[in-house]
C-alpha atoms as a PDB file:
ATOM      1  CA  MET A   1      13.176  -3.214  -3.494  1.00  0.00           C
ATOM      2  CA  VAL A   2      10.302  -0.927  -2.473  1.00  0.00           C
ATOM      3  CA  TYR A   3       6.736  -2.201  -1.596  1.00  0.00           C
ATOM      4  CA  ILE A   4       3.814   0.129  -2.327  1.00  0.00           C
ATOM      5  CA  GLY A   5       0.530  -0.378  -0.520  1.00  0.00           C
ATOM      6  CA  ILE A   6      -2.466   0.418  -2.976  1.00  0.00           C
ATOM      7  CA  GLY A   7      -6.147   1.048  -1.880  1.00  0.00           C
ATOM      8  CA  ALA A   8      -9.209   2.660  -2.944  1.00  0.00           C
ATOM      9  CA  ASN A   9     -13.133   2.717  -1.964  1.00  0.00           C
ATOM     10  CA  LEU A  10     -14.512   5.376  -4.213  1.00  0.00           C
ATOM     11  CA  GLN A  11     -15.340   5.568  -7.949  1.00  0.00           C
ATOM     12  CA  GLY A  12     -14.800   2.304  -9.238  1.00  0.00           C
ATOM     13  CA  PRO A  13     -12.003   1.270  -6.557  1.00  0.00           C
ATOM     14  CA  ALA A  14     -11.078  -2.139  -8.473  1.00  0.00           C
ATOM     15  CA  GLU A  15     -10.220  -0.182 -11.736  1.00  0.00           C
ATOM     16  CA  ARG A  16      -8.282   2.322  -9.736  1.00  0.00           C
ATOM     17  CA  VAL A  17      -6.177  -0.088  -7.965  1.00  0.00           C
ATOM     18  CA  ALA A  18      -5.513  -1.704 -11.441  1.00  0.00           C
ATOM     19  CA  GLY A  19      -4.770   1.708 -12.888  1.00  0.00           C
ATOM     20  CA  ALA A  20      -2.473   2.645  -9.976  1.00  0.00           C
ATOM     21  CA  ILE A  21      -0.382  -0.606 -10.686  1.00  0.00           C
ATOM     22  CA  HIS A  22      -0.006   0.434 -14.172  1.00  0.00           C
ATOM     23  CA  ASP A  23       0.887   4.141 -13.308  1.00  0.00           C
ATOM     24  CA  LEU A  24       3.657   2.859 -10.932  1.00  0.00           C
ATOM     25  CA  ASP A  25       5.337   1.254 -13.751  1.00  0.00           C
ATOM     26  CA  THR A  26       5.332   4.896 -15.431  1.00  0.00           C
ATOM     27  CA  LEU A  27       7.007   6.756 -12.799  1.00  0.00           C
ATOM     28  CA  PRO A  28      10.622   8.126 -13.501  1.00  0.00           C
ATOM     29  CA  HIS A  29      13.580   6.191 -12.782  1.00  0.00           C
ATOM     30  CA  SER A  30      11.368   3.216 -11.601  1.00  0.00           C
ATOM     31  CA  ARG A  31      10.130  -0.096 -12.839  1.00  0.00           C
ATOM     32  CA  LEU A  32       7.008  -2.232 -11.450  1.00  0.00           C
ATOM     33  CA  GLU A  33       8.468  -5.617 -10.689  1.00  0.00           C
ATOM     34  CA  ALA A  34       5.406  -7.357  -9.494  1.00  0.00           C
ATOM     35  CA  ALA A  35       2.008  -6.936  -8.317  1.00  0.00           C
ATOM     36  CA  SER A  36      -0.342  -8.945  -6.024  1.00  0.00           C
ATOM     37  CA  ARG A  37      -3.938  -9.793  -6.845  1.00  0.00           C
ATOM     38  CA  ARG A  38      -6.612  -7.152  -5.851  1.00  0.00           C
ATOM     39  CA  TYR A  39      -8.363  -8.096  -2.583  1.00  0.00           C
ATOM     40  CA  ILE A  40     -11.613  -6.738  -1.110  1.00  0.00           C
ATOM     41  CA  GLY A  41     -12.236  -6.084   2.482  1.00  0.00           C
ATOM     42  CA  PRO A  42     -13.928  -3.945   5.114  1.00  0.00           C
ATOM     43  CA  PRO A  43     -12.574  -0.331   5.942  1.00  0.00           C
ATOM     44  CA  MET A  44     -10.303   0.089   8.777  1.00  0.00           C
ATOM     45  CA  GLY A  45     -11.621   3.526   9.697  1.00  0.00           C
ATOM     46  CA  PRO A  46     -15.491   4.673   9.909  1.00  0.00           C
ATOM     47  CA  PRO A  47     -17.756   1.598   9.318  1.00  0.00           C
ATOM     48  CA  ASP A  48     -20.087   3.932   7.268  1.00  0.00           C
ATOM     49  CA  GLN A  49     -17.984   3.743   3.998  1.00  0.00           C
ATOM     50  CA  PRO A  50     -17.634   1.159   1.197  1.00  0.00           C
ATOM     51  CA  ASP A  51     -15.330  -1.815   1.469  1.00  0.00           C
ATOM     52  CA  TYR A  52     -11.739  -1.141  -0.041  1.00  0.00           C
ATOM     53  CA  VAL A  53      -9.940  -2.846  -2.684  1.00  0.00           C
ATOM     54  CA  ASN A  54      -6.235  -3.327  -1.942  1.00  0.00           C
ATOM     55  CA  ALA A  55      -3.116  -4.621  -3.616  1.00  0.00           C
ATOM     56  CA  VAL A  56       0.445  -4.420  -3.008  1.00  0.00           C
ATOM     57  CA  ALA A  57       3.200  -3.600  -5.938  1.00  0.00           C
ATOM     58  CA  ARG A  58       7.030  -4.351  -5.737  1.00  0.00           C
ATOM     59  CA  LEU A  59       8.962  -1.452  -7.328  1.00  0.00           C
ATOM     60  CA  ALA A  60      12.486  -1.052  -8.292  1.00  0.00           C
ATOM     61  CA  THR A  61      13.563   2.684  -8.097  1.00  0.00           C
ATOM     62  CA  ALA A  62      16.334   5.003  -8.034  1.00  0.00           C
ATOM     63  CA  LEU A  63      14.164   7.663  -6.395  1.00  0.00           C
ATOM     64  CA  ALA A  64      14.932   8.822  -2.970  1.00  0.00           C
ATOM     65  CA  PRO A  65      12.140   7.915  -0.545  1.00  0.00           C
ATOM     66  CA  CYS A  66      10.720  11.512  -0.217  1.00  0.00           C
ATOM     67  CA  ASP A  67      10.867  11.944  -4.313  1.00  0.00           C
ATOM     68  CA  LEU A  68       9.098   8.555  -4.350  1.00  0.00           C
ATOM     69  CA  LEU A  69       6.324   9.825  -1.859  1.00  0.00           C
ATOM     70  CA  ASP A  70       5.889  13.067  -4.067  1.00  0.00           C
ATOM     71  CA  GLU A  71       5.322  10.977  -6.944  1.00  0.00           C
ATOM     72  CA  LEU A  72       2.906   8.762  -5.121  1.00  0.00           C
ATOM     73  CA  GLN A  73       0.951  11.956  -3.805  1.00  0.00           C
ATOM     74  CA  ARG A  74       0.971  13.182  -7.299  1.00  0.00           C
ATOM     75  CA  LEU A  75      -0.906  10.193  -8.666  1.00  0.00           C
ATOM     76  CA  GLU A  76      -3.276  10.210  -5.621  1.00  0.00           C
ATOM     77  CA  HIS A  77      -4.020  14.007  -6.577  1.00  0.00           C
ATOM     78  CA  ALA A  78      -4.589  13.145 -10.246  1.00  0.00           C
ATOM     79  CA  SER A  79      -7.072  10.516  -9.111  1.00  0.00           C
ATOM     80  CA  GLY A  80      -8.918  13.035  -7.176  1.00  0.00           C
ATOM     81  CA  ARG A  81      -7.830  12.521  -3.652  1.00  0.00           C
ATOM     82  CA  ARG A  82      -7.706  15.639  -1.729  1.00  0.00           C
ATOM     83  CA  ARG A  83      -5.917  15.570   1.650  1.00  0.00           C
ATOM     84  CA  GLU A  84      -7.873  17.388   4.097  1.00  0.00           C
ATOM     85  CA  GLN A  85      -6.469  18.305   7.640  1.00  0.00           C
ATOM     86  CA  GLY A  86      -7.847  16.056  10.272  1.00  0.00           C
ATOM     87  CA  GLU A  87      -9.161  13.409   7.695  1.00  0.00           C
ATOM     88  CA  ARG A  88      -7.988   9.897   8.749  1.00  0.00           C
ATOM     89  CA  TRP A  89      -8.828   6.550   7.482  1.00  0.00           C
ATOM     90  CA  GLY A  90     -11.926   8.143   5.634  1.00  0.00           C
ATOM     91  CA  PRO A  91     -13.122   7.134   2.029  1.00  0.00           C
ATOM     92  CA  ARG A  92     -10.690   7.835  -0.822  1.00  0.00           C
ATOM     93  CA  PRO A  93     -10.437   7.211  -4.671  1.00  0.00           C
ATOM     94  CA  LEU A  94      -6.701   6.190  -4.107  1.00  0.00           C
ATOM     95  CA  ASP A  95      -4.286   5.591  -1.249  1.00  0.00           C
ATOM     96  CA  LEU A  96      -0.622   4.775  -2.029  1.00  0.00           C
ATOM     97  CA  ASP A  97       1.702   4.087   0.768  1.00  0.00           C
ATOM     98  CA  ILE A  98       5.442   3.364   0.906  1.00  0.00           C
ATOM     99  CA  LEU A  99       5.562  -0.075   3.074  1.00  0.00           C
ATOM    100  CA  LEU A 100       9.150  -0.854   2.842  1.00  0.00           C
ATOM    101  CA  TYR A 101      12.005   0.822   1.015  1.00  0.00           C
ATOM    102  CA  GLY A 102      14.682  -2.024   1.181  1.00  0.00           C
ATOM    103  CA  ASP A 103      15.990  -2.454   4.480  1.00  0.00           C
ATOM    104  CA  ARG A 104      15.838   1.363   5.367  1.00  0.00           C
ATOM    105  CA  ILE A 105      14.329   2.562   8.659  1.00  0.00           C
ATOM    106  CA  LEU A 106      13.321   6.184   8.115  1.00  0.00           C
ATOM    107  CA  THR A 107      11.262   8.555  10.326  1.00  0.00           C
ATOM    108  CA  ASP A 108      10.481  12.174   9.669  1.00  0.00           C
ATOM    109  CA  ASP A 109       7.850  14.598   9.446  1.00  0.00           C
ATOM    110  CA  ARG A 110       6.563  13.342   6.073  1.00  0.00           C
ATOM    111  CA  LEU A 111       7.517   9.532   6.019  1.00  0.00           C
ATOM    112  CA  THR A 112       7.845   6.668   8.234  1.00  0.00           C
ATOM    113  CA  VAL A 113       9.436   3.509   6.770  1.00  0.00           C
ATOM    114  CA  PRO A 114       8.737   0.624   7.334  1.00  0.00           C
ATOM    115  CA  HIS A 115       4.971   1.620   7.388  1.00  0.00           C
ATOM    116  CA  PRO A 116       3.957   1.472  11.038  1.00  0.00           C
ATOM    117  CA  GLY A 117       0.741  -0.576  10.626  1.00  0.00           C
ATOM    118  CA  LEU A 118       2.298  -2.708   7.969  1.00  0.00           C
ATOM    119  CA  HIS A 119       2.119  -6.025  10.309  1.00  0.00           C
ATOM    120  CA  LEU A 120      -1.195  -5.212  11.770  1.00  0.00           C
ATOM    121  CA  ARG A 121      -3.283  -4.553   8.628  1.00  0.00           C
ATOM    122  CA  PRO A 122      -4.395  -7.723   6.806  1.00  0.00           C
ATOM    123  CA  PHE A 123      -5.037  -5.712   3.773  1.00  0.00           C
ATOM    124  CA  VAL A 124      -1.411  -4.892   3.500  1.00  0.00           C
ATOM    125  CA  TYR A 125       0.240  -7.956   4.874  1.00  0.00           C
ATOM    126  CA  VAL A 126      -1.815 -10.599   2.883  1.00  0.00           C
ATOM    127  CA  PRO A 127      -1.004  -9.168  -0.636  1.00  0.00           C
ATOM    128  CA  LEU A 128       2.625  -8.401   0.566  1.00  0.00           C
ATOM    129  CA  LEU A 129       3.229 -12.133   1.560  1.00  0.00           C
ATOM    130  CA  GLU A 130       1.673 -13.106  -1.741  1.00  0.00           C
ATOM    131  CA  ILE A 131       4.570 -11.381  -3.765  1.00  0.00           C
ATOM    132  CA  ALA A 132       7.374 -11.539  -1.045  1.00  0.00           C
ATOM    133  CA  PRO A 133       6.612 -14.319   1.177  1.00  0.00           C
ATOM    134  CA  ALA A 134      10.369 -14.131   2.678  1.00  0.00           C
ATOM    135  CA  VAL A 135      10.215 -10.425   3.417  1.00  0.00           C
ATOM    136  CA  VAL A 136      11.666  -9.096   6.530  1.00  0.00           C
ATOM    137  CA  VAL A 137      10.436  -5.955   8.170  1.00  0.00           C
ATOM    138  CA  PRO A 138      13.332  -3.724   9.155  1.00  0.00           C
ATOM    139  CA  GLY A 139      13.591  -3.726  12.976  1.00  0.00           C
ATOM    140  CA  ARG A 140      10.735  -6.146  13.316  1.00  0.00           C
ATOM    141  CA  GLY A 141      12.000  -9.687  11.555  1.00  0.00           C
ATOM    142  CA  PRO A 142      10.290 -11.737   9.169  1.00  0.00           C
ATOM    143  CA  LEU A 143       6.438 -10.750   8.248  1.00  0.00           C
ATOM    144  CA  GLU A 144       5.517 -14.201   8.084  1.00  0.00           C
ATOM    145  CA  ALA A 145       6.271 -14.513  11.669  1.00  0.00           C
ATOM    146  CA  LEU A 146       4.771 -11.296  12.638  1.00  0.00           C
ATOM    147  CA  VAL A 147       1.331 -12.477  11.256  1.00  0.00           C
ATOM    148  CA  ARG A 148       1.635 -16.193  11.882  1.00  0.00           C
ATOM    149  CA  ASP A 149      -1.144 -16.279  14.610  1.00  0.00           C
ATOM    150  CA  VAL A 150      -3.777 -14.484  12.610  1.00  0.00           C
ATOM    151  CA  GLU A 151      -6.665 -16.792  11.858  1.00  0.00           C
ATOM    152  CA  ASP A 152      -9.283 -14.913   9.797  1.00  0.00           C
ATOM    153  CA  HIS A 153      -8.021 -11.771   7.726  1.00  0.00           C
ATOM    154  CA  GLY A 154     -11.483 -10.891   6.253  1.00  0.00           C
ATOM    155  CA  LEU A 155     -10.411 -10.454   2.706  1.00  0.00           C
ATOM    156  CA  THR A 156     -11.510 -11.702  -0.502  1.00  0.00           C
ATOM    157  CA  ALA A 157      -9.221 -12.079  -3.597  1.00  0.00           C
ATOM    158  CA  LEU A 158     -10.939 -10.495  -6.610  1.00  0.00           C
ATOM    159  CA  ASP A 159      -8.251 -11.716  -9.196  1.00  0.00           C
END
């Protein structure tokens, strides 16, 4: 199973996240298996931007990791996202991240899996645990144990 983090904070973010969940089911050689509720929370980056809406989807796919990344970036581009040099954690109409790709550990110039911030970001691990409570982060262990001591995640469920 592959888990995709979905986020947006521009141009109707709740609708964009819902649309992205739908679009994941249209990717070639892929099938949407589950999606979390959508959550709203504060931005991770600069504080002078709107709150984010986030969700996580579980996808069955025959696409190789970098081919899947290409498809996700195509969806981002179609939503109006433009990747600017030096832009990090800024506002965006859509952000799609490969969080986990089965039990693989991958590191190259384009892709790191598991996503390095997975267990540190409530907007990722809260919706992930909702749809995969027993998920194990390769090289780190059960996600539930990694986030056990977090008291307040600052998220509100929209659905």
